[in-house]
Amino acid sequence: KMGEFVKAHDSYMDVAIGRAAWPIGVTMVGIHARTGRSKIESANVAHVMNSELQRKYLTSVKRLLTFAQSQADHVDPSKKVG
């Protein structure tokens, strides 16, 4: 749909970072080893932003979304991002 910038931004974020839980660097917070710790190792993660070409395409898509939003004066402000 035209002017659905919030939905477009949500879709962009899904592609760029996904919906998986992101460890913030703290993997050992207690004295006991976590059973799922091996699943959050950063070296084992295949991510779309790790590819330079895909990162450039996603950056271009985000720039196009931002430009289209700046040019759309007829769109309700509640449908715009930030």
PDB file of N, CA and C in Angstrom:
ATOM      1  N   LYS A   1       0.834  -1.190   0.000  1.00  0.00           N
ATOM      2  CA  LYS A   1       0.000   0.000   0.000  1.00  0.00           C
ATOM      3  C   LYS A   1       0.873   1.245   0.000  1.00  0.00           C
ATOM      4  N   MET A   2       0.374   2.259  -0.612  1.00  0.00           N
ATOM      5  CA  MET A   2       1.110   3.522  -0.642  1.00  0.00           C
ATOM      6  C   MET A   2       1.036   4.223   0.716  1.00  0.00           C
ATOM      7  N   GLY A   3       2.157   4.713   1.182  1.00  0.00           N
ATOM      8  CA  GLY A   3       2.190   5.486   2.408  1.00  0.00           C
ATOM      9  C   GLY A   3       2.276   4.678   3.684  1.00  0.00           C
ATOM     10  N   GLU A   4       2.435   3.391   3.611  1.00  0.00           N
ATOM     11  CA  GLU A   4       2.538   2.548   4.808  1.00  0.00           C
ATOM     12  C   GLU A   4       4.011   2.442   5.224  1.00  0.00           C
ATOM     13  N   PHE A   5       4.564   3.545   5.694  1.00  0.00           N
ATOM     14  CA  PHE A   5       5.991   3.588   5.998  1.00  0.00           C
ATOM     15  C   PHE A   5       6.344   2.807   7.259  1.00  0.00           C
ATOM     16  N   VAL A   6       5.441   2.734   8.214  1.00  0.00           N
ATOM     17  CA  VAL A   6       5.713   1.960   9.429  1.00  0.00           C
ATOM     18  C   VAL A   6       5.812   0.474   9.087  1.00  0.00           C
ATOM     19  N   LYS A   7       4.895  -0.023   8.262  1.00  0.00           N
ATOM     20  CA  LYS A   7       4.941  -1.424   7.849  1.00  0.00           C
ATOM     21  C   LYS A   7       6.184  -1.706   7.012  1.00  0.00           C
ATOM     22  N   ALA A   8       6.551  -0.765   6.147  1.00  0.00           N
ATOM     23  CA  ALA A   8       7.758  -0.931   5.328  1.00  0.00           C
ATOM     24  C   ALA A   8       9.000  -0.964   6.211  1.00  0.00           C
ATOM     25  N   HIS A   9       9.032  -0.109   7.229  1.00  0.00           N
ATOM     26  CA  HIS A   9      10.176  -0.085   8.149  1.00  0.00           C
ATOM     27  C   HIS A   9      10.249  -1.377   8.944  1.00  0.00           C
ATOM     28  N   ASP A  10       9.108  -1.895   9.392  1.00  0.00           N
ATOM     29  CA  ASP A  10       9.097  -3.164  10.119  1.00  0.00           C
ATOM     30  C   ASP A  10       9.611  -4.307   9.246  1.00  0.00           C
ATOM     31  N   SER A  11       9.208  -4.313   7.979  1.00  0.00           N
ATOM     32  CA  SER A  11       9.689  -5.345   7.055  1.00  0.00           C
ATOM     33  C   SER A  11      11.182  -5.216   6.826  1.00  0.00           C
ATOM     34  N   TYR A  12      11.656  -3.984   6.694  1.00  0.00           N
ATOM     35  CA  TYR A  12      13.093  -3.745   6.538  1.00  0.00           C
ATOM     36  C   TYR A  12      13.863  -4.280   7.752  1.00  0.00           C
ATOM     37  N   MET A  13      13.360  -4.004   8.951  1.00  0.00           N
ATOM     38  CA  MET A  13      14.029  -4.462  10.167  1.00  0.00           C
ATOM     39  C   MET A  13      14.024  -5.991  10.259  1.00  0.00           C
ATOM     40  N   ASP A  14      12.942  -6.625   9.821  1.00  0.00           N
ATOM     41  CA  ASP A  14      12.894  -8.090   9.817  1.00  0.00           C
ATOM     42  C   ASP A  14      13.978  -8.666   8.921  1.00  0.00           C
ATOM     43  N   VAL A  15      14.165  -8.059   7.757  1.00  0.00           N
ATOM     44  CA  VAL A  15      15.186  -8.544   6.831  1.00  0.00           C
ATOM     45  C   VAL A  15      16.583  -8.229   7.356  1.00  0.00           C
ATOM     46  N   ALA A  16      16.760  -7.029   7.892  1.00  0.00           N
ATOM     47  CA  ALA A  16      18.093  -6.587   8.308  1.00  0.00           C
ATOM     48  C   ALA A  16      18.594  -7.302   9.557  1.00  0.00           C
ATOM     49  N   ILE A  17      17.755  -7.403  10.594  1.00  0.00           N
ATOM     50  CA  ILE A  17      18.245  -7.998  11.837  1.00  0.00           C
ATOM     51  C   ILE A  17      17.455  -9.215  12.286  1.00  0.00           C
ATOM     52  N   GLY A  18      16.298  -9.443  11.701  1.00  0.00           N
ATOM     53  CA  GLY A  18      15.498 -10.609  12.059  1.00  0.00           C
ATOM     54  C   GLY A  18      14.784 -10.451  13.381  1.00  0.00           C
ATOM     55  N   ARG A  19      14.182 -11.525  13.833  1.00  0.00           N
ATOM     56  CA  ARG A  19      13.426 -11.499  15.083  1.00  0.00           C
ATOM     57  C   ARG A  19      14.029 -12.401  16.157  1.00  0.00           C
ATOM     58  N   ALA A  20      15.203 -12.933  15.889  1.00  0.00           N
ATOM     59  CA  ALA A  20      15.849 -13.803  16.873  1.00  0.00           C
ATOM     60  C   ALA A  20      16.374 -12.978  18.042  1.00  0.00           C
ATOM     61  N   ALA A  21      16.478 -13.607  19.192  1.00  0.00           N
ATOM     62  CA  ALA A  21      17.023 -12.931  20.365  1.00  0.00           C
ATOM     63  C   ALA A  21      18.500 -12.621  20.132  1.00  0.00           C
ATOM     64  N   TRP A  22      18.901 -11.447  20.535  1.00  0.00           N
ATOM     65  CA  TRP A  22      20.284 -11.010  20.345  1.00  0.00           C
ATOM     66  C   TRP A  22      21.001 -10.992  21.681  1.00  0.00           C
ATOM     67  N   PRO A  23      22.051 -11.782  21.822  1.00  0.00           N
ATOM     68  CA  PRO A  23      22.826 -11.683  23.059  1.00  0.00           C
ATOM     69  C   PRO A  23      23.599 -10.366  23.070  1.00  0.00           C
ATOM     70  N   ILE A  24      23.646  -9.722  24.187  1.00  0.00           N
ATOM     71  CA  ILE A  24      24.277  -8.410  24.281  1.00  0.00           C
ATOM     72  C   ILE A  24      25.722  -8.520  24.758  1.00  0.00           C
ATOM     73  N   GLY A  25      26.279  -9.695  24.719  1.00  0.00           N
ATOM     74  CA  GLY A  25      27.661  -9.868  25.111  1.00  0.00           C
ATOM     75  C   GLY A  25      27.823 -10.595  26.427  1.00  0.00           C
ATOM     76  N   VAL A  26      26.780 -10.662  27.226  1.00  0.00           N
ATOM     77  CA  VAL A  26      26.848 -11.354  28.502  1.00  0.00           C
ATOM     78  C   VAL A  26      26.245 -12.735  28.310  1.00  0.00           C
ATOM     79  N   THR A  27      27.083 -13.735  28.271  1.00  0.00           N
ATOM     80  CA  THR A  27      26.578 -15.088  28.076  1.00  0.00           C
ATOM     81  C   THR A  27      26.695 -15.925  29.345  1.00  0.00           C
ATOM     82  N   MET A  28      27.540 -15.522  30.244  1.00  0.00           N
ATOM     83  CA  MET A  28      27.686 -16.250  31.508  1.00  0.00           C
ATOM     84  C   MET A  28      27.311 -15.303  32.640  1.00  0.00           C
ATOM     85  N   VAL A  29      26.076 -15.400  33.117  1.00  0.00           N
ATOM     86  CA  VAL A  29      25.631 -14.494  34.172  1.00  0.00           C
ATOM     87  C   VAL A  29      25.546 -15.179  35.531  1.00  0.00           C
ATOM     88  N   GLY A  30      25.712 -16.482  35.573  1.00  0.00           N
ATOM     89  CA  GLY A  30      25.645 -17.210  36.840  1.00  0.00           C
ATOM     90  C   GLY A  30      26.808 -18.166  36.966  1.00  0.00           C
ATOM     91  N   ILE A  31      26.725 -19.003  37.961  1.00  0.00           N
ATOM     92  CA  ILE A  31      27.810 -19.961  38.166  1.00  0.00           C
ATOM     93  C   ILE A  31      27.583 -21.254  37.405  1.00  0.00           C
ATOM     94  N   HIS A  32      26.360 -21.434  36.877  1.00  0.00           N
ATOM     95  CA  HIS A  32      26.029 -22.651  36.144  1.00  0.00           C
ATOM     96  C   HIS A  32      26.052 -22.391  34.642  1.00  0.00           C
ATOM     97  N   ALA A  33      26.508 -23.384  33.902  1.00  0.00           N
ATOM     98  CA  ALA A  33      26.545 -23.266  32.445  1.00  0.00           C
ATOM     99  C   ALA A  33      25.126 -23.351  31.892  1.00  0.00           C
ATOM    100  N   ARG A  34      24.826 -22.510  30.926  1.00  0.00           N
ATOM    101  CA  ARG A  34      23.513 -22.538  30.288  1.00  0.00           C
ATOM    102  C   ARG A  34      23.495 -23.624  29.228  1.00  0.00           C
ATOM    103  N   THR A  35      22.360 -24.294  29.100  1.00  0.00           N
ATOM    104  CA  THR A  35      22.270 -25.380  28.124  1.00  0.00           C
ATOM    105  C   THR A  35      22.263 -24.855  26.695  1.00  0.00           C
ATOM    106  N   GLY A  36      21.749 -23.680  26.458  1.00  0.00           N
ATOM    107  CA  GLY A  36      21.668 -23.144  25.092  1.00  0.00           C
ATOM    108  C   GLY A  36      22.792 -22.202  24.727  1.00  0.00           C
ATOM    109  N   ARG A  37      23.853 -22.171  25.537  1.00  0.00           N
ATOM    110  CA  ARG A  37      24.938 -21.219  25.295  1.00  0.00           C
ATOM    111  C   ARG A  37      25.599 -21.416  23.939  1.00  0.00           C
ATOM    112  N   SER A  38      25.696 -22.643  23.477  1.00  0.00           N
ATOM    113  CA  SER A  38      26.358 -22.904  22.202  1.00  0.00           C
ATOM    114  C   SER A  38      25.584 -22.318  21.026  1.00  0.00           C
ATOM    115  N   LYS A  39      24.298 -22.062  21.215  1.00  0.00           N
ATOM    116  CA  LYS A  39      23.475 -21.522  20.133  1.00  0.00           C
ATOM    117  C   LYS A  39      23.659 -20.022  19.946  1.00  0.00           C
ATOM    118  N   ILE A  40      24.262 -19.354  20.906  1.00  0.00           N
ATOM    119  CA  ILE A  40      24.402 -17.904  20.804  1.00  0.00           C
ATOM    120  C   ILE A  40      25.845 -17.463  20.584  1.00  0.00           C
ATOM    121  N   GLU A  41      26.683 -18.365  20.167  1.00  0.00           N
ATOM    122  CA  GLU A  41      28.061 -18.006  19.831  1.00  0.00           C
ATOM    123  C   GLU A  41      28.046 -17.106  18.600  1.00  0.00           C
ATOM    124  N   SER A  42      28.695 -15.974  18.659  1.00  0.00           N
ATOM    125  CA  SER A  42      28.649 -15.022  17.550  1.00  0.00           C
ATOM    126  C   SER A  42      29.403 -15.517  16.319  1.00  0.00           C
ATOM    127  N   ALA A  43      30.358 -16.379  16.492  1.00  0.00           N
ATOM    128  CA  ALA A  43      31.129 -16.870  15.347  1.00  0.00           C
ATOM    129  C   ALA A  43      30.320 -17.824  14.481  1.00  0.00           C
ATOM    130  N   ASN A  44      29.297 -18.446  15.045  1.00  0.00           N
ATOM    131  CA  ASN A  44      28.517 -19.435  14.314  1.00  0.00           C
ATOM    132  C   ASN A  44      27.283 -18.855  13.630  1.00  0.00           C
ATOM    133  N   VAL A  45      27.071 -17.561  13.720  1.00  0.00           N
ATOM    134  CA  VAL A  45      25.849 -16.954  13.212  1.00  0.00           C
ATOM    135  C   VAL A  45      26.038 -16.534  11.759  1.00  0.00           C
ATOM    136  N   ALA A  46      25.163 -17.021  10.886  1.00  0.00           N
ATOM    137  CA  ALA A  46      25.147 -16.565   9.501  1.00  0.00           C
ATOM    138  C   ALA A  46      24.114 -15.456   9.424  1.00  0.00           C
ATOM    139  N   HIS A  47      24.540 -14.267   9.115  1.00  0.00           N
ATOM    140  CA  HIS A  47      23.650 -13.112   9.148  1.00  0.00           C
ATOM    141  C   HIS A  47      23.709 -12.369   7.828  1.00  0.00           C
ATOM    142  N   VAL A  48      22.579 -11.793   7.441  1.00  0.00           N
ATOM    143  CA  VAL A  48      22.487 -11.102   6.158  1.00  0.00           C
ATOM    144  C   VAL A  48      23.415  -9.884   6.111  1.00  0.00           C
ATOM    145  N   MET A  49      23.665  -9.238   7.254  1.00  0.00           N
ATOM    146  CA  MET A  49      24.521  -8.055   7.261  1.00  0.00           C
ATOM    147  C   MET A  49      26.006  -8.413   7.222  1.00  0.00           C
ATOM    148  N   ASN A  50      26.364  -9.684   7.278  1.00  0.00           N
ATOM    149  CA  ASN A  50      27.764 -10.088   7.181  1.00  0.00           C
ATOM    150  C   ASN A  50      28.277 -10.018   5.745  1.00  0.00           C
ATOM    151  N   SER A  51      27.380 -10.086   4.768  1.00  0.00           N
ATOM    152  CA  SER A  51      27.767  -9.994   3.369  1.00  0.00           C
ATOM    153  C   SER A  51      27.810  -8.528   2.957  1.00  0.00           C
ATOM    154  N   GLU A  52      28.916  -8.099   2.422  1.00  0.00           N
ATOM    155  CA  GLU A  52      29.085  -6.693   2.016  1.00  0.00           C
ATOM    156  C   GLU A  52      28.061  -6.290   0.950  1.00  0.00           C
ATOM    157  N   LEU A  53      27.824  -7.147  -0.036  1.00  0.00           N
ATOM    158  CA  LEU A  53      26.882  -6.832  -1.106  1.00  0.00           C
ATOM    159  C   LEU A  53      25.458  -6.719  -0.562  1.00  0.00           C
ATOM    160  N   GLN A  54      25.055  -7.658   0.276  1.00  0.00           N
ATOM    161  CA  GLN A  54      23.711  -7.609   0.852  1.00  0.00           C
ATOM    162  C   GLN A  54      23.549  -6.402   1.770  1.00  0.00           C
ATOM    163  N   ARG A  55      24.588  -6.067   2.500  1.00  0.00           N
ATOM    164  CA  ARG A  55      24.541  -4.895   3.382  1.00  0.00           C
ATOM    165  C   ARG A  55      24.348  -3.617   2.576  1.00  0.00           C
ATOM    166  N   LYS A  56      25.039  -3.525   1.436  1.00  0.00           N
ATOM    167  CA  LYS A  56      24.887  -2.344   0.582  1.00  0.00           C
ATOM    168  C   LYS A  56      23.481  -2.249  -0.009  1.00  0.00           C
ATOM    169  N   TYR A  57      22.925  -3.389  -0.429  1.00  0.00           N
ATOM    170  CA  TYR A  57      21.555  -3.390  -0.947  1.00  0.00           C
ATOM    171  C   TYR A  57      20.565  -2.969   0.130  1.00  0.00           C
ATOM    172  N   LEU A  58      20.726  -3.491   1.339  1.00  0.00           N
ATOM    173  CA  LEU A  58      19.812  -3.122   2.421  1.00  0.00           C
ATOM    174  C   LEU A  58      19.948  -1.649   2.794  1.00  0.00           C
ATOM    175  N   THR A  59      21.162  -1.140   2.773  1.00  0.00           N
ATOM    176  CA  THR A  59      21.368   0.280   3.038  1.00  0.00           C
ATOM    177  C   THR A  59      20.672   1.122   1.969  1.00  0.00           C
ATOM    178  N   SER A  60      20.741   0.690   0.720  1.00  0.00           N
ATOM    179  CA  SER A  60      20.073   1.405  -0.369  1.00  0.00           C
ATOM    180  C   SER A  60      18.556   1.375  -0.202  1.00  0.00           C
ATOM    181  N   VAL A  61      18.019   0.229   0.213  1.00  0.00           N
ATOM    182  CA  VAL A  61      16.580   0.121   0.439  1.00  0.00           C
ATOM    183  C   VAL A  61      16.154   1.073   1.549  1.00  0.00           C
ATOM    184  N   LYS A  62      16.920   1.140   2.629  1.00  0.00           N
ATOM    185  CA  LYS A  62      16.592   2.041   3.735  1.00  0.00           C
ATOM    186  C   LYS A  62      16.644   3.496   3.285  1.00  0.00           C
ATOM    187  N   ARG A  63      17.617   3.839   2.467  1.00  0.00           N
ATOM    188  CA  ARG A  63      17.707   5.215   1.963  1.00  0.00           C
ATOM    189  C   ARG A  63      16.521   5.558   1.069  1.00  0.00           C
ATOM    190  N   LEU A  64      16.094   4.586   0.244  1.00  0.00           N
ATOM    191  CA  LEU A  64      14.917   4.809  -0.596  1.00  0.00           C
ATOM    192  C   LEU A  64      13.657   4.991   0.244  1.00  0.00           C
ATOM    193  N   LEU A  65      13.516   4.198   1.293  1.00  0.00           N
ATOM    194  CA  LEU A  65      12.366   4.346   2.185  1.00  0.00           C
ATOM    195  C   LEU A  65      12.360   5.720   2.851  1.00  0.00           C
ATOM    196  N   THR A  66      13.515   6.154   3.321  1.00  0.00           N
ATOM    197  CA  THR A  66      13.625   7.457   3.974  1.00  0.00           C
ATOM    198  C   THR A  66      13.318   8.584   2.994  1.00  0.00           C
ATOM    199  N   PHE A  67      13.823   8.487   1.779  1.00  0.00           N
ATOM    200  CA  PHE A  67      13.559   9.512   0.763  1.00  0.00           C
ATOM    201  C   PHE A  67      12.080   9.543   0.393  1.00  0.00           C
ATOM    202  N   ALA A  68      11.480   8.377   0.174  1.00  0.00           N
ATOM    203  CA  ALA A  68      10.059   8.321  -0.189  1.00  0.00           C
ATOM    204  C   ALA A  68       9.204   8.923   0.913  1.00  0.00           C
ATOM    205  N   GLN A  69       9.570   8.671   2.157  1.00  0.00           N
ATOM    206  CA  GLN A  69       8.808   9.231   3.270  1.00  0.00           C
ATOM    207  C   GLN A  69       8.946  10.746   3.326  1.00  0.00           C
ATOM    208  N   SER A  70      10.128  11.257   3.035  1.00  0.00           N
ATOM    209  CA  SER A  70      10.333  12.709   3.083  1.00  0.00           C
ATOM    210  C   SER A  70       9.575  13.432   1.967  1.00  0.00           C
ATOM    211  N   GLN A  71       9.307  12.729   0.872  1.00  0.00           N
ATOM    212  CA  GLN A  71       8.600  13.338  -0.249  1.00  0.00           C
ATOM    213  C   GLN A  71       7.079  13.183  -0.158  1.00  0.00           C
ATOM    214  N   ALA A  72       6.599  12.340   0.730  1.00  0.00           N
ATOM    215  CA  ALA A  72       5.169  12.048   0.833  1.00  0.00           C
ATOM    216  C   ALA A  72       4.519  12.988   1.843  1.00  0.00           C
ATOM    217  N   ASP A  73       4.052  14.125   1.364  1.00  0.00           N
ATOM    218  CA  ASP A  73       3.416  15.097   2.242  1.00  0.00           C
ATOM    219  C   ASP A  73       1.956  14.750   2.525  1.00  0.00           C
ATOM    220  N   HIS A  74       1.329  13.955   1.661  1.00  0.00           N
ATOM    221  CA  HIS A  74      -0.086  13.631   1.783  1.00  0.00           C
ATOM    222  C   HIS A  74      -0.372  12.484   2.750  1.00  0.00           C
ATOM    223  N   VAL A  75       0.669  11.885   3.309  1.00  0.00           N
ATOM    224  CA  VAL A  75       0.509  10.706   4.175  1.00  0.00           C
ATOM    225  C   VAL A  75       0.286  11.169   5.617  1.00  0.00           C
ATOM    226  N   ASP A  76      -0.620  10.489   6.300  1.00  0.00           N
ATOM    227  CA  ASP A  76      -0.913  10.763   7.708  1.00  0.00           C
ATOM    228  C   ASP A  76       0.354  10.554   8.546  1.00  0.00           C
ATOM    229  N   PRO A  77       0.682  11.477   9.447  1.00  0.00           N
ATOM    230  CA  PRO A  77       1.904  11.346  10.259  1.00  0.00           C
ATOM    231  C   PRO A  77       1.971  10.051  11.077  1.00  0.00           C
ATOM    232  N   SER A  78       0.827   9.460  11.403  1.00  0.00           N
ATOM    233  CA  SER A  78       0.853   8.217  12.173  1.00  0.00           C
ATOM    234  C   SER A  78       1.363   7.041  11.347  1.00  0.00           C
ATOM    235  N   LYS A  79       1.465   7.210  10.031  1.00  0.00           N
ATOM    236  CA  LYS A  79       1.964   6.147   9.164  1.00  0.00           C
ATOM    237  C   LYS A  79       3.417   6.353   8.791  1.00  0.00           C
ATOM    238  N   LYS A  80       4.042   7.370   9.382  1.00  0.00           N
ATOM    239  CA  LYS A  80       5.452   7.647   9.106  1.00  0.00           C
ATOM    240  C   LYS A  80       6.324   7.171  10.258  1.00  0.00           C
ATOM    241  N   VAL A  81       7.598   6.921   9.953  1.00  0.00           N
ATOM    242  CA  VAL A  81       8.550   6.468  10.961  1.00  0.00           C
ATOM    243  C   VAL A  81       9.346   7.685  11.443  1.00  0.00           C
ATOM    244  N   GLY A  82       9.386   7.856  12.741  1.00  0.00           N
ATOM    245  CA  GLY A  82      10.168   8.892  13.410  1.00  0.00           C
ATOM    246  C   GLY A  82      10.152  10.176  12.732  1.00  0.00           C
TER     247      GLY A  82
END
